[in-house]
């Protein structure tokens, strides 16, 4: 069994976030418009557990749905990954799980890829 630390419990409208064997995983649906509390809880839990950037090797995104607020939060998170990778010599990989038929999600991944320096690997589901 994998060692999993749940950082934020998921709901029907908000994703779960957990740390598992060097991976930060964000999984579920991201429907709610106001997600700032979710983001704050994630950051707080990361700080409480003192998970340093050197312990996170991969960021896995497994979202069934996302909205503009989610995009804003992900952009912030990806900017932090860029900062860790390029300013601090980190090696965090971004892996986005999605179906090859999900044109909307693939377009969103393409937009993020055009903005950030860290490559986003698409993991087919």
C-alpha atoms as a PDB file:
ATOM      1  CA  UNK A   1       0.000   0.000   0.000  1.00  0.00           C
ATOM      2  CA  UNK A   2       1.253   3.448  -0.900  1.00  0.00           C
ATOM      3  CA  UNK A   3       2.025   5.957   1.825  1.00  0.00           C
ATOM      4  CA  UNK A   4      -0.576   8.698   1.319  1.00  0.00           C
ATOM      5  CA  UNK A   5      -0.973  11.930   3.255  1.00  0.00           C
ATOM      6  CA  UNK A   6      -4.335  13.557   2.532  1.00  0.00           C
ATOM      7  CA  UNK A   7      -3.861  17.307   2.459  1.00  0.00           C
ATOM      8  CA  UNK A   8      -7.383  18.375   1.509  1.00  0.00           C
ATOM      9  CA  UNK A   9     -10.410  16.064   1.376  1.00  0.00           C
ATOM     10  CA  UNK A  10     -12.332  16.174  -1.880  1.00  0.00           C
ATOM     11  CA  UNK A  11     -16.058  16.772  -2.290  1.00  0.00           C
ATOM     12  CA  UNK A  12     -18.440  16.430  -5.222  1.00  0.00           C
ATOM     13  CA  UNK A  13     -17.464  19.927  -6.345  1.00  0.00           C
ATOM     14  CA  UNK A  14     -13.865  20.299  -5.148  1.00  0.00           C
ATOM     15  CA  UNK A  15     -10.871  18.055  -5.804  1.00  0.00           C
ATOM     16  CA  UNK A  16      -8.898  16.116  -3.237  1.00  0.00           C
ATOM     17  CA  UNK A  17      -5.213  16.850  -2.783  1.00  0.00           C
ATOM     18  CA  UNK A  18      -2.805  14.312  -1.373  1.00  0.00           C
ATOM     19  CA  UNK A  19       0.891  13.646  -1.140  1.00  0.00           C
ATOM     20  CA  UNK A  20       1.966  10.147  -2.150  1.00  0.00           C
ATOM     21  CA  UNK A  21       5.514   8.850  -2.570  1.00  0.00           C
ATOM     22  CA  UNK A  22       7.027  12.050  -3.953  1.00  0.00           C
ATOM     23  CA  UNK A  23       3.902  13.087  -5.846  1.00  0.00           C
ATOM     24  CA  UNK A  24       1.465  15.859  -5.126  1.00  0.00           C
ATOM     25  CA  UNK A  25      -1.837  14.702  -6.648  1.00  0.00           C
ATOM     26  CA  UNK A  26      -4.866  16.907  -7.293  1.00  0.00           C
ATOM     27  CA  UNK A  27      -7.798  14.734  -8.307  1.00  0.00           C
ATOM     28  CA  UNK A  28     -11.531  15.097  -8.834  1.00  0.00           C
ATOM     29  CA  UNK A  29     -13.919  17.762 -10.054  1.00  0.00           C
ATOM     30  CA  UNK A  30     -13.288  21.442  -9.670  1.00  0.00           C
ATOM     31  CA  UNK A  31     -16.684  23.062 -10.097  1.00  0.00           C
ATOM     32  CA  UNK A  32     -17.054  25.563  -7.237  1.00  0.00           C
ATOM     33  CA  UNK A  33     -16.514  29.191  -8.162  1.00  0.00           C
ATOM     34  CA  UNK A  34     -14.895  30.282  -4.898  1.00  0.00           C
ATOM     35  CA  UNK A  35     -11.953  27.979  -4.325  1.00  0.00           C
ATOM     36  CA  UNK A  36      -9.712  30.276  -2.308  1.00  0.00           C
ATOM     37  CA  UNK A  37     -10.517  28.402   0.926  1.00  0.00           C
ATOM     38  CA  UNK A  38      -9.533  25.119  -0.756  1.00  0.00           C
ATOM     39  CA  UNK A  39      -6.258  26.602  -1.956  1.00  0.00           C
ATOM     40  CA  UNK A  40      -5.532  28.089   1.490  1.00  0.00           C
ATOM     41  CA  UNK A  41      -6.184  24.705   3.160  1.00  0.00           C
ATOM     42  CA  UNK A  42      -3.809  23.002   0.713  1.00  0.00           C
ATOM     43  CA  UNK A  43      -1.037  25.515   1.359  1.00  0.00           C
ATOM     44  CA  UNK A  44      -1.624  25.326   5.123  1.00  0.00           C
ATOM     45  CA  UNK A  45      -1.433  21.526   5.105  1.00  0.00           C
ATOM     46  CA  UNK A  46       1.730  21.565   3.015  1.00  0.00           C
ATOM     47  CA  UNK A  47       3.251  23.943   5.556  1.00  0.00           C
ATOM     48  CA  UNK A  48       2.064  21.859   8.530  1.00  0.00           C
ATOM     49  CA  UNK A  49       3.541  18.695   7.061  1.00  0.00           C
ATOM     50  CA  UNK A  50       6.657  20.680   6.088  1.00  0.00           C
ATOM     51  CA  UNK A  51       6.794  19.068   2.684  1.00  0.00           C
ATOM     52  CA  UNK A  52       9.746  20.813   1.111  1.00  0.00           C
ATOM     53  CA  UNK A  53       9.953  21.235  -2.650  1.00  0.00           C
ATOM     54  CA  UNK A  54      12.806  18.730  -2.740  1.00  0.00           C
ATOM     55  CA  UNK A  55      10.359  16.034  -1.563  1.00  0.00           C
ATOM     56  CA  UNK A  56       7.877  16.677  -4.367  1.00  0.00           C
ATOM     57  CA  UNK A  57       9.135  15.182  -7.627  1.00  0.00           C
ATOM     58  CA  UNK A  58       5.868  15.163  -9.577  1.00  0.00           C
ATOM     59  CA  UNK A  59       2.678  17.189  -9.671  1.00  0.00           C
ATOM     60  CA  UNK A  60      -0.192  15.068 -10.992  1.00  0.00           C
ATOM     61  CA  UNK A  61      -3.368  16.756 -12.191  1.00  0.00           C
ATOM     62  CA  UNK A  62      -6.362  14.437 -12.555  1.00  0.00           C
ATOM     63  CA  UNK A  63      -9.356  16.707 -13.013  1.00  0.00           C
ATOM     64  CA  UNK A  64     -12.631  15.721 -14.632  1.00  0.00           C
ATOM     65  CA  UNK A  65     -13.733  19.334 -14.863  1.00  0.00           C
ATOM     66  CA  UNK A  66     -12.226  22.730 -14.206  1.00  0.00           C
ATOM     67  CA  UNK A  67     -13.444  26.305 -14.360  1.00  0.00           C
ATOM     68  CA  UNK A  68     -11.804  29.727 -14.623  1.00  0.00           C
ATOM     69  CA  UNK A  69     -11.108  29.876 -10.878  1.00  0.00           C
ATOM     70  CA  UNK A  70      -9.374  26.493 -11.099  1.00  0.00           C
ATOM     71  CA  UNK A  71      -7.349  27.764 -14.042  1.00  0.00           C
ATOM     72  CA  UNK A  72      -6.202  30.735 -11.970  1.00  0.00           C
ATOM     73  CA  UNK A  73      -5.168  28.493  -9.070  1.00  0.00           C
ATOM     74  CA  UNK A  74      -3.398  26.021 -11.352  1.00  0.00           C
ATOM     75  CA  UNK A  75      -1.556  28.865 -13.074  1.00  0.00           C
ATOM     76  CA  UNK A  76      -0.342  30.039  -9.685  1.00  0.00           C
ATOM     77  CA  UNK A  77       0.729  26.500  -8.788  1.00  0.00           C
ATOM     78  CA  UNK A  78       2.509  26.027 -12.124  1.00  0.00           C
ATOM     79  CA  UNK A  79       4.304  29.356 -11.617  1.00  0.00           C
ATOM     80  CA  UNK A  80       5.551  28.050  -8.268  1.00  0.00           C
ATOM     81  CA  UNK A  81       6.777  24.869  -9.985  1.00  0.00           C
ATOM     82  CA  UNK A  82       8.584  27.008 -12.577  1.00  0.00           C
ATOM     83  CA  UNK A  83      10.188  29.045  -9.795  1.00  0.00           C
ATOM     84  CA  UNK A  84      11.334  25.906  -7.984  1.00  0.00           C
ATOM     85  CA  UNK A  85      12.618  24.306 -11.189  1.00  0.00           C
ATOM     86  CA  UNK A  86      14.357  27.264 -12.770  1.00  0.00           C
ATOM     87  CA  UNK A  87      15.259  29.592  -9.894  1.00  0.00           C
ATOM     88  CA  UNK A  88      16.045  27.000  -7.249  1.00  0.00           C
ATOM     89  CA  UNK A  89      17.321  24.067  -9.323  1.00  0.00           C
ATOM     90  CA  UNK A  90      14.369  21.761  -8.642  1.00  0.00           C
ATOM     91  CA  UNK A  91      13.219  18.915 -10.843  1.00  0.00           C
ATOM     92  CA  UNK A  92       9.441  18.796 -10.406  1.00  0.00           C
ATOM     93  CA  UNK A  93       7.583  17.237 -13.342  1.00  0.00           C
ATOM     94  CA  UNK A  94       3.996  18.126 -14.214  1.00  0.00           C
ATOM     95  CA  UNK A  95       1.846  15.217 -15.371  1.00  0.00           C
ATOM     96  CA  UNK A  96      -1.738  15.837 -16.480  1.00  0.00           C
ATOM     97  CA  UNK A  97      -3.998  12.808 -16.760  1.00  0.00           C
ATOM     98  CA  UNK A  98      -6.757  13.094 -19.350  1.00  0.00           C
ATOM     99  CA  UNK A  99      -8.536  11.306 -22.146  1.00  0.00           C
ATOM    100  CA  UNK A 100      -7.245  11.764 -25.695  1.00  0.00           C
ATOM    101  CA  UNK A 101     -10.860  12.584 -26.642  1.00  0.00           C
ATOM    102  CA  UNK A 102     -11.217  15.427 -24.126  1.00  0.00           C
ATOM    103  CA  UNK A 103     -10.598  18.317 -26.517  1.00  0.00           C
ATOM    104  CA  UNK A 104     -11.448  20.997 -23.961  1.00  0.00           C
ATOM    105  CA  UNK A 105      -8.959  19.671 -21.402  1.00  0.00           C
ATOM    106  CA  UNK A 106      -6.285  19.188 -24.061  1.00  0.00           C
ATOM    107  CA  UNK A 107      -6.787  22.788 -25.192  1.00  0.00           C
ATOM    108  CA  UNK A 108      -6.417  23.992 -21.602  1.00  0.00           C
ATOM    109  CA  UNK A 109      -3.208  21.982 -21.206  1.00  0.00           C
ATOM    110  CA  UNK A 110      -1.928  23.564 -24.418  1.00  0.00           C
ATOM    111  CA  UNK A 111      -2.659  27.052 -23.067  1.00  0.00           C
ATOM    112  CA  UNK A 112      -0.805  26.336 -19.810  1.00  0.00           C
ATOM    113  CA  UNK A 113       2.102  24.818 -21.760  1.00  0.00           C
ATOM    114  CA  UNK A 114       2.434  27.990 -23.810  1.00  0.00           C
ATOM    115  CA  UNK A 115       2.697  30.136 -20.657  1.00  0.00           C
ATOM    116  CA  UNK A 116       5.001  28.162 -18.355  1.00  0.00           C
ATOM    117  CA  UNK A 117       8.536  26.867 -18.873  1.00  0.00           C
ATOM    118  CA  UNK A 118       8.108  23.477 -17.193  1.00  0.00           C
ATOM    119  CA  UNK A 119       6.832  20.930 -19.736  1.00  0.00           C
ATOM    120  CA  UNK A 120       3.451  19.325 -19.073  1.00  0.00           C
ATOM    121  CA  UNK A 121       3.363  15.618 -19.849  1.00  0.00           C
ATOM    122  CA  UNK A 122      -0.035  14.311 -20.895  1.00  0.00           C
ATOM    123  CA  UNK A 123      -0.797  10.933 -19.334  1.00  0.00           C
ATOM    124  CA  UNK A 124      -3.517   9.165 -21.354  1.00  0.00           C
ATOM    125  CA  UNK A 125      -6.424   7.682 -19.424  1.00  0.00           C
END
